[in-house]
Structure formats: C-alpha cells, structure tokens
Amino acid sequence: MFTGIVEELGTVTAVEDQGDAIRLTIASEVTLSDAGLGDSIAVNGCCLTVAERSDTTWTADVMAETLAKTSIGGLAVGDRVNLERAVTAEKRLGGHVVQGHVDAVGEVVARTPSEHWEIVEIKLPDDLGRYLVDKGSITVDGTSLTVVEARDDTFTVSLIPETLARTTLGFRGVGDRVNLEVDVIAKHVEKLVRAYTSASKEN
C-alpha cells in the first residue's frame, strides 16, 4: 500500500525487452536507500517488486498484464519516473489509500498555468468517471491529488509548485499518457450498495 506522496524522481537506465515482459532498471537514491529484494516500489503509480539491486539502481520484472493496462511499457532510457516506497505503519498518511494497482491510462488534454499553480485537465475512460467527485481523491502517475472538477469523461486537478517541481506532472504535456487509480473506497462502496440493492429487490 502507498499514500500517493512521491518521494523522488528516478531515472530509467535500462529497458530489456523479453517479448511478453520487460525488465526495467531505475536509478534512484531515497527509495533505494533501504530497499531489499522483494520490496514494493510504486513507479508512476504502478506497484513493482525489486528483483535485483545495486548501489545506485534497482530492477523489476514487468509482466504482460501490467504492460497492457499501464503506461509503463512506453518508458525509455532517460525517462523520469515518480517513485514511492510502500507505506509503513509509523508513516503519516499524507495522501490517501493507494494500492499501486492502476485502473486505466488517461491522457492530458489541457494545461492552464496561473501565477502560483496550474490547472491540468485529464481524460479518463467512461467507466471510471462514476468514481470521481469534486474534492475527492485521484492518483495520477502515483501522485495523490484532489479532484477540482469531476466531469463526464475528464477531470481537473490543481497542481501546486511543490507538485510541479517534484513529480512528473511538472513536465507532462498535452497528449501524454498518465496512470490513473481511483479511490478504492469508492469501488468498495459501489459493490456493497449494488449487493444491498439486489438483495432488497429479491426480498
């Protein structure tokens, strides 16, 4: 589990094509400082497992399912990525509950700069829109953000200078693809309400 508070920007140093999978190697400092084999690190919001490590890099195996449902397969050597280690019991939950299980890939459709912040509009698949509400939580490339306006097939977020400087969202342009994870609590509530409604109709 993660919180959506990006700890650092890592750099992709190698992408090894294995046909139906890739081996992804990333250079980092903070997230690598106490990483052991088998540990989980979120890369642009996608939970990956440390399979190998050196003093400056770590490697993860990325399977076909992940490549199909996230933007990870589009990474190239030199790309910067958002990194976050799995949350520990004593850590503050500064963002919201993030699983690192990407629901879909969205697309940046507009950026509107202001003096001290920037509004970014992102398109999302139709089946995810129902989970978003104004002032609710959304994870974009592993970054916990507050929805400013939830629309039918897009939503907007407001990025403060800290987010612009410390995450990939500072340089994502119109047309760029981003990983999205909606609030898992909303999905659980939906399932419970659906089950309750079905049971009520049967009775």
C-alpha atoms as a PDB file:
ATOM      1  CA  MET A   1       0.000   0.000   0.000  1.00  0.00           C
ATOM      2  CA  PHE A   2       1.099   3.564  -0.730  1.00  0.00           C
ATOM      3  CA  THR A   3      -0.008   7.101   0.094  1.00  0.00           C
ATOM      4  CA  GLY A   4       0.487   8.872  -3.231  1.00  0.00           C
ATOM      5  CA  ILE A   5       3.176  11.145  -1.796  1.00  0.00           C
ATOM      6  CA  VAL A   6       6.009  10.909  -4.331  1.00  0.00           C
ATOM      7  CA  GLU A   7       9.393  10.574  -2.610  1.00  0.00           C
ATOM      8  CA  GLU A   8      11.651  11.281  -5.564  1.00  0.00           C
ATOM      9  CA  LEU A   9      12.069  11.300  -9.319  1.00  0.00           C
ATOM     10  CA  GLY A  10      14.043   8.312 -10.553  1.00  0.00           C
ATOM     11  CA  THR A  11      15.611   7.814 -13.983  1.00  0.00           C
ATOM     12  CA  VAL A  12      15.135   4.809 -16.242  1.00  0.00           C
ATOM     13  CA  THR A  13      18.587   3.393 -17.065  1.00  0.00           C
ATOM     14  CA  ALA A  14      17.632   0.205 -18.938  1.00  0.00           C
ATOM     15  CA  VAL A  15      14.620  -1.433 -20.568  1.00  0.00           C
ATOM     16  CA  GLU A  16      15.161  -5.075 -21.535  1.00  0.00           C
ATOM     17  CA  ASP A  17      12.529  -6.449 -23.911  1.00  0.00           C
ATOM     18  CA  GLN A  18      11.632 -10.045 -23.066  1.00  0.00           C
ATOM     19  CA  GLY A  19       8.823 -10.496 -25.566  1.00  0.00           C
ATOM     20  CA  ASP A  20       5.802 -10.722 -23.278  1.00  0.00           C
ATOM     21  CA  ALA A  21       7.539  -8.828 -20.471  1.00  0.00           C
ATOM     22  CA  ILE A  22      10.276  -6.276 -19.805  1.00  0.00           C
ATOM     23  CA  ARG A  23      12.977  -5.847 -17.175  1.00  0.00           C
ATOM     24  CA  LEU A  24      13.009  -2.242 -16.031  1.00  0.00           C
ATOM     25  CA  THR A  25      16.040  -0.740 -14.290  1.00  0.00           C
ATOM     26  CA  ILE A  26      15.789   2.575 -12.466  1.00  0.00           C
ATOM     27  CA  ALA A  27      18.395   4.767 -10.793  1.00  0.00           C
ATOM     28  CA  SER A  28      17.293   6.305  -7.512  1.00  0.00           C
ATOM     29  CA  GLU A  29      18.584   7.392  -4.127  1.00  0.00           C
ATOM     30  CA  VAL A  30      15.869   7.794  -1.485  1.00  0.00           C
ATOM     31  CA  THR A  31      13.776   4.791  -2.470  1.00  0.00           C
ATOM     32  CA  LEU A  32      16.865   2.628  -2.878  1.00  0.00           C
ATOM     33  CA  SER A  33      18.360   3.533   0.498  1.00  0.00           C
ATOM     34  CA  ASP A  34      16.634   0.698   2.392  1.00  0.00           C
ATOM     35  CA  ALA A  35      15.196  -1.382  -0.455  1.00  0.00           C
ATOM     36  CA  GLY A  36      15.600  -5.136  -0.278  1.00  0.00           C
ATOM     37  CA  LEU A  37      14.771  -7.888  -2.727  1.00  0.00           C
ATOM     38  CA  GLY A  38      11.017  -8.426  -2.790  1.00  0.00           C
ATOM     39  CA  ASP A  39      10.173  -4.925  -1.577  1.00  0.00           C
ATOM     40  CA  SER A  40       7.482  -2.916  -3.342  1.00  0.00           C
ATOM     41  CA  ILE A  41       8.134   0.427  -5.007  1.00  0.00           C
ATOM     42  CA  ALA A  42       5.500   2.369  -6.938  1.00  0.00           C
ATOM     43  CA  VAL A  43       6.705   3.566 -10.352  1.00  0.00           C
ATOM     44  CA  ASN A  44       4.358   6.203 -11.773  1.00  0.00           C
ATOM     45  CA  GLY A  45       1.708   4.695  -9.529  1.00  0.00           C
ATOM     46  CA  CYS A  46       2.330   1.075 -10.540  1.00  0.00           C
ATOM     47  CA  CYS A  47       3.441  -1.284  -7.772  1.00  0.00           C
ATOM     48  CA  LEU A  48       6.584  -3.148  -8.846  1.00  0.00           C
ATOM     49  CA  THR A  49       8.785  -5.616  -6.964  1.00  0.00           C
ATOM     50  CA  VAL A  50      12.528  -5.206  -6.515  1.00  0.00           C
ATOM     51  CA  ALA A  51      14.121  -8.222  -8.236  1.00  0.00           C
ATOM     52  CA  GLU A  52      17.723  -7.004  -8.302  1.00  0.00           C
ATOM     53  CA  ARG A  53      19.592  -4.038  -6.897  1.00  0.00           C
ATOM     54  CA  SER A  54      22.986  -2.387  -6.918  1.00  0.00           C
ATOM     55  CA  ASP A  55      24.277   0.614  -5.013  1.00  0.00           C
ATOM     56  CA  THR A  56      22.627   3.013  -7.459  1.00  0.00           C
ATOM     57  CA  THR A  57      19.923   1.119  -9.355  1.00  0.00           C
ATOM     58  CA  TRP A  58      17.176  -1.454  -8.916  1.00  0.00           C
ATOM     59  CA  THR A  59      15.444  -3.744 -11.384  1.00  0.00           C
ATOM     60  CA  ALA A  60      11.863  -5.002 -11.639  1.00  0.00           C
ATOM     61  CA  ASP A  61      10.148  -7.528 -13.891  1.00  0.00           C
ATOM     62  CA  VAL A  62       7.067  -6.071 -15.599  1.00  0.00           C
ATOM     63  CA  MET A  63       4.571  -8.649 -16.839  1.00  0.00           C
ATOM     64  CA  ALA A  64       2.178  -8.529 -19.819  1.00  0.00           C
ATOM     65  CA  GLU A  65      -0.857  -7.559 -17.701  1.00  0.00           C
ATOM     66  CA  THR A  66       0.955  -4.515 -16.359  1.00  0.00           C
ATOM     67  CA  LEU A  67       2.220  -3.545 -19.799  1.00  0.00           C
ATOM     68  CA  ALA A  68      -1.315  -3.777 -21.189  1.00  0.00           C
ATOM     69  CA  LYS A  69      -3.018  -1.686 -18.518  1.00  0.00           C
ATOM     70  CA  THR A  70      -0.426   0.971 -17.649  1.00  0.00           C
ATOM     71  CA  SER A  71       1.924   3.391 -19.362  1.00  0.00           C
ATOM     72  CA  ILE A  72       4.988   1.510 -18.071  1.00  0.00           C
ATOM     73  CA  GLY A  73       5.549  -0.171 -21.438  1.00  0.00           C
ATOM     74  CA  GLY A  74       6.146   3.211 -23.045  1.00  0.00           C
ATOM     75  CA  LEU A  75       9.103   4.092 -20.821  1.00  0.00           C
ATOM     76  CA  ALA A  76      12.515   4.588 -22.423  1.00  0.00           C
ATOM     77  CA  VAL A  77      16.051   5.066 -21.139  1.00  0.00           C
ATOM     78  CA  GLY A  78      16.403   8.559 -19.695  1.00  0.00           C
ATOM     79  CA  ASP A  79      12.735   8.978 -18.749  1.00  0.00           C
ATOM     80  CA  ARG A  80      11.998  10.352 -15.287  1.00  0.00           C
ATOM     81  CA  VAL A  81       9.521   8.454 -13.117  1.00  0.00           C
ATOM     82  CA  ASN A  82       7.700   9.083  -9.847  1.00  0.00           C
ATOM     83  CA  LEU A  83       8.845   6.745  -7.056  1.00  0.00           C
ATOM     84  CA  GLU A  84       7.359   5.890  -3.678  1.00  0.00           C
ATOM     85  CA  ARG A  85       8.204   3.099  -1.255  1.00  0.00           C
ATOM     86  CA  ALA A  86       5.402   1.085   0.320  1.00  0.00           C
ATOM     87  CA  VAL A  87       3.966   2.785   3.403  1.00  0.00           C
ATOM     88  CA  THR A  88       4.973   1.603   6.873  1.00  0.00           C
ATOM     89  CA  ALA A  89       2.806   1.587   9.997  1.00  0.00           C
ATOM     90  CA  GLU A  90       4.574   4.568  11.553  1.00  0.00           C
ATOM     91  CA  LYS A  91       4.388   6.776   8.457  1.00  0.00           C
ATOM     92  CA  ARG A  92       1.922   9.655   8.157  1.00  0.00           C
ATOM     93  CA  LEU A  93      -0.826   9.060   5.589  1.00  0.00           C
ATOM     94  CA  GLY A  94      -0.235  12.362   3.837  1.00  0.00           C
ATOM     95  CA  GLY A  95      -2.201  11.492   0.713  1.00  0.00           C
ATOM     96  CA  HIS A  96      -4.875   8.787   0.598  1.00  0.00           C
ATOM     97  CA  VAL A  97      -5.020   4.987   0.439  1.00  0.00           C
ATOM     98  CA  VAL A  98      -3.268   3.998  -2.798  1.00  0.00           C
ATOM     99  CA  GLN A  99      -2.853   0.362  -3.830  1.00  0.00           C
ATOM    100  CA  GLY A 100      -0.477   0.795  -6.735  1.00  0.00           C
ATOM    101  CA  HIS A 101      -2.991  -1.097  -8.906  1.00  0.00           C
ATOM    102  CA  VAL A 102      -3.533   1.098 -11.940  1.00  0.00           C
ATOM    103  CA  ASP A 103      -7.157   1.177 -13.135  1.00  0.00           C
ATOM    104  CA  ALA A 104      -6.549   2.745 -16.533  1.00  0.00           C
ATOM    105  CA  VAL A 105      -4.391   5.073 -18.568  1.00  0.00           C
ATOM    106  CA  GLY A 106      -5.619   8.641 -19.003  1.00  0.00           C
ATOM    107  CA  GLU A 107      -4.473  11.448 -21.266  1.00  0.00           C
ATOM    108  CA  VAL A 108      -3.550  15.051 -20.502  1.00  0.00           C
ATOM    109  CA  VAL A 109      -5.872  17.210 -22.625  1.00  0.00           C
ATOM    110  CA  ALA A 110      -5.175  20.716 -21.303  1.00  0.00           C
ATOM    111  CA  ARG A 111      -2.872  22.707 -19.050  1.00  0.00           C
ATOM    112  CA  THR A 112      -3.797  26.154 -17.787  1.00  0.00           C
ATOM    113  CA  PRO A 113      -0.973  27.949 -15.951  1.00  0.00           C
ATOM    114  CA  SER A 114      -1.544  30.529 -13.248  1.00  0.00           C
ATOM    115  CA  GLU A 115       0.834  32.640 -11.206  1.00  0.00           C
ATOM    116  CA  HIS A 116       1.239  30.144  -8.367  1.00  0.00           C
ATOM    117  CA  TRP A 117      -0.383  26.926  -9.589  1.00  0.00           C
ATOM    118  CA  GLU A 118      -1.511  25.112 -12.716  1.00  0.00           C
ATOM    119  CA  ILE A 119      -4.819  23.510 -13.655  1.00  0.00           C
ATOM    120  CA  VAL A 120      -4.450  20.229 -15.555  1.00  0.00           C
ATOM    121  CA  GLU A 121      -7.338  18.506 -17.306  1.00  0.00           C
ATOM    122  CA  ILE A 122      -7.132  14.755 -17.858  1.00  0.00           C
ATOM    123  CA  LYS A 123      -9.345  12.491 -19.957  1.00  0.00           C
ATOM    124  CA  LEU A 124     -10.307   9.149 -18.424  1.00  0.00           C
ATOM    125  CA  PRO A 125     -12.252   6.082 -19.618  1.00  0.00           C
ATOM    126  CA  ASP A 126     -16.034   6.403 -19.320  1.00  0.00           C
ATOM    127  CA  ASP A 127     -16.325   3.544 -16.825  1.00  0.00           C
ATOM    128  CA  LEU A 128     -14.142   5.326 -14.265  1.00  0.00           C
ATOM    129  CA  GLY A 129     -15.945   8.666 -14.201  1.00  0.00           C
ATOM    130  CA  ARG A 130     -18.521   7.451 -11.679  1.00  0.00           C
ATOM    131  CA  TYR A 131     -15.839   7.063  -9.015  1.00  0.00           C
ATOM    132  CA  LEU A 132     -14.794  10.712  -9.121  1.00  0.00           C
ATOM    133  CA  VAL A 133     -16.413  13.540  -7.180  1.00  0.00           C
ATOM    134  CA  ASP A 134     -15.437  17.153  -6.698  1.00  0.00           C
ATOM    135  CA  LYS A 135     -12.875  17.389  -3.867  1.00  0.00           C
ATOM    136  CA  GLY A 136     -12.426  13.610  -3.921  1.00  0.00           C
ATOM    137  CA  SER A 137      -9.117  11.777  -4.346  1.00  0.00           C
ATOM    138  CA  ILE A 138      -7.456  10.500  -7.523  1.00  0.00           C
ATOM    139  CA  THR A 139      -3.983   9.107  -8.133  1.00  0.00           C
ATOM    140  CA  VAL A 140      -2.252  10.367 -11.291  1.00  0.00           C
ATOM    141  CA  ASP A 141       1.103   8.736 -12.091  1.00  0.00           C
ATOM    142  CA  GLY A 142       1.281   7.725  -8.451  1.00  0.00           C
ATOM    143  CA  THR A 143       0.614  11.244  -7.148  1.00  0.00           C
ATOM    144  CA  SER A 144      -2.266  11.710  -4.717  1.00  0.00           C
ATOM    145  CA  LEU A 145      -4.334  14.651  -5.939  1.00  0.00           C
ATOM    146  CA  THR A 146      -7.635  16.321  -5.137  1.00  0.00           C
ATOM    147  CA  VAL A 147     -10.198  16.492  -7.926  1.00  0.00           C
ATOM    148  CA  VAL A 148     -11.183  20.090  -8.608  1.00  0.00           C
ATOM    149  CA  GLU A 149     -13.983  19.315 -11.042  1.00  0.00           C
ATOM    150  CA  ALA A 150     -15.281  15.880 -11.990  1.00  0.00           C
ATOM    151  CA  ARG A 151     -16.814  15.904 -15.479  1.00  0.00           C
ATOM    152  CA  ASP A 152     -18.364  13.184 -17.640  1.00  0.00           C
ATOM    153  CA  ASP A 153     -15.151  11.997 -19.278  1.00  0.00           C
ATOM    154  CA  THR A 154     -12.497  14.346 -17.913  1.00  0.00           C
ATOM    155  CA  PHE A 155     -11.461  15.806 -14.574  1.00  0.00           C
ATOM    156  CA  THR A 156      -9.260  18.670 -13.457  1.00  0.00           C
ATOM    157  CA  VAL A 157      -6.629  18.909 -10.738  1.00  0.00           C
ATOM    158  CA  SER A 158      -4.768  21.928  -9.391  1.00  0.00           C
ATOM    159  CA  LEU A 159      -1.004  21.480  -9.083  1.00  0.00           C
ATOM    160  CA  ILE A 160       0.923  23.498  -6.522  1.00  0.00           C
ATOM    161  CA  PRO A 161       4.576  24.468  -7.106  1.00  0.00           C
ATOM    162  CA  GLU A 162       5.805  21.563  -4.926  1.00  0.00           C
ATOM    163  CA  THR A 163       3.980  19.022  -7.093  1.00  0.00           C
ATOM    164  CA  LEU A 164       5.160  20.675 -10.300  1.00  0.00           C
ATOM    165  CA  ALA A 165       8.782  20.603  -9.113  1.00  0.00           C
ATOM    166  CA  ARG A 166       8.935  17.142  -7.544  1.00  0.00           C
ATOM    167  CA  THR A 167       6.824  14.915  -9.816  1.00  0.00           C
ATOM    168  CA  THR A 168       6.460  14.025 -13.494  1.00  0.00           C
ATOM    169  CA  LEU A 169       3.302  16.129 -13.587  1.00  0.00           C
ATOM    170  CA  GLY A 170       5.514  19.195 -13.827  1.00  0.00           C
ATOM    171  CA  PHE A 171       6.517  18.281 -17.376  1.00  0.00           C
ATOM    172  CA  ARG A 172       3.648  16.154 -18.704  1.00  0.00           C
ATOM    173  CA  GLY A 173       2.364  17.784 -21.898  1.00  0.00           C
ATOM    174  CA  VAL A 174      -0.934  17.676 -23.745  1.00  0.00           C
ATOM    175  CA  GLY A 175      -1.309  14.220 -25.299  1.00  0.00           C
ATOM    176  CA  ASP A 176       0.897  12.487 -22.705  1.00  0.00           C
ATOM    177  CA  ARG A 177      -0.460   9.312 -21.109  1.00  0.00           C
ATOM    178  CA  VAL A 178      -0.742   9.023 -17.323  1.00  0.00           C
ATOM    179  CA  ASN A 179      -1.594   6.148 -14.993  1.00  0.00           C
ATOM    180  CA  LEU A 180      -4.840   6.544 -13.061  1.00  0.00           C
ATOM    181  CA  GLU A 181      -6.015   4.836  -9.879  1.00  0.00           C
ATOM    182  CA  VAL A 182      -9.393   5.817  -8.477  1.00  0.00           C
ATOM    183  CA  ASP A 183     -10.229   5.741  -4.776  1.00  0.00           C
ATOM    184  CA  VAL A 184     -10.577   2.080  -3.775  1.00  0.00           C
ATOM    185  CA  ILE A 185     -13.061   3.048  -1.041  1.00  0.00           C
ATOM    186  CA  ALA A 186     -15.447   4.319  -3.725  1.00  0.00           C
ATOM    187  CA  LYS A 187     -15.227   0.967  -5.534  1.00  0.00           C
ATOM    188  CA  HIS A 188     -15.968  -0.968  -2.332  1.00  0.00           C
ATOM    189  CA  VAL A 189     -18.957   1.261  -1.531  1.00  0.00           C
ATOM    190  CA  GLU A 190     -20.317   0.736  -5.044  1.00  0.00           C
ATOM    191  CA  LYS A 191     -20.077  -3.057  -4.706  1.00  0.00           C
ATOM    192  CA  LEU A 192     -21.728  -3.071  -1.282  1.00  0.00           C
ATOM    193  CA  VAL A 193     -24.579  -0.825  -2.429  1.00  0.00           C
ATOM    194  CA  ARG A 194     -25.124  -2.964  -5.538  1.00  0.00           C
ATOM    195  CA  ALA A 195     -25.286  -6.128  -3.421  1.00  0.00           C
ATOM    196  CA  TYR A 196     -27.656  -4.479  -0.932  1.00  0.00           C
ATOM    197  CA  THR A 197     -29.916  -3.208  -3.723  1.00  0.00           C
ATOM    198  CA  SER A 198     -30.053  -6.643  -5.372  1.00  0.00           C
ATOM    199  CA  ALA A 199     -30.867  -8.319  -2.051  1.00  0.00           C
ATOM    200  CA  SER A 200     -33.630  -5.773  -1.346  1.00  0.00           C
ATOM    201  CA  LYS A 201     -35.252  -6.458  -4.735  1.00  0.00           C
ATOM    202  CA  GLU A 202     -35.212 -10.212  -4.118  1.00  0.00           C
ATOM    203  CA  ASN A 203     -36.923  -9.739  -0.770  1.00  0.00           C
END
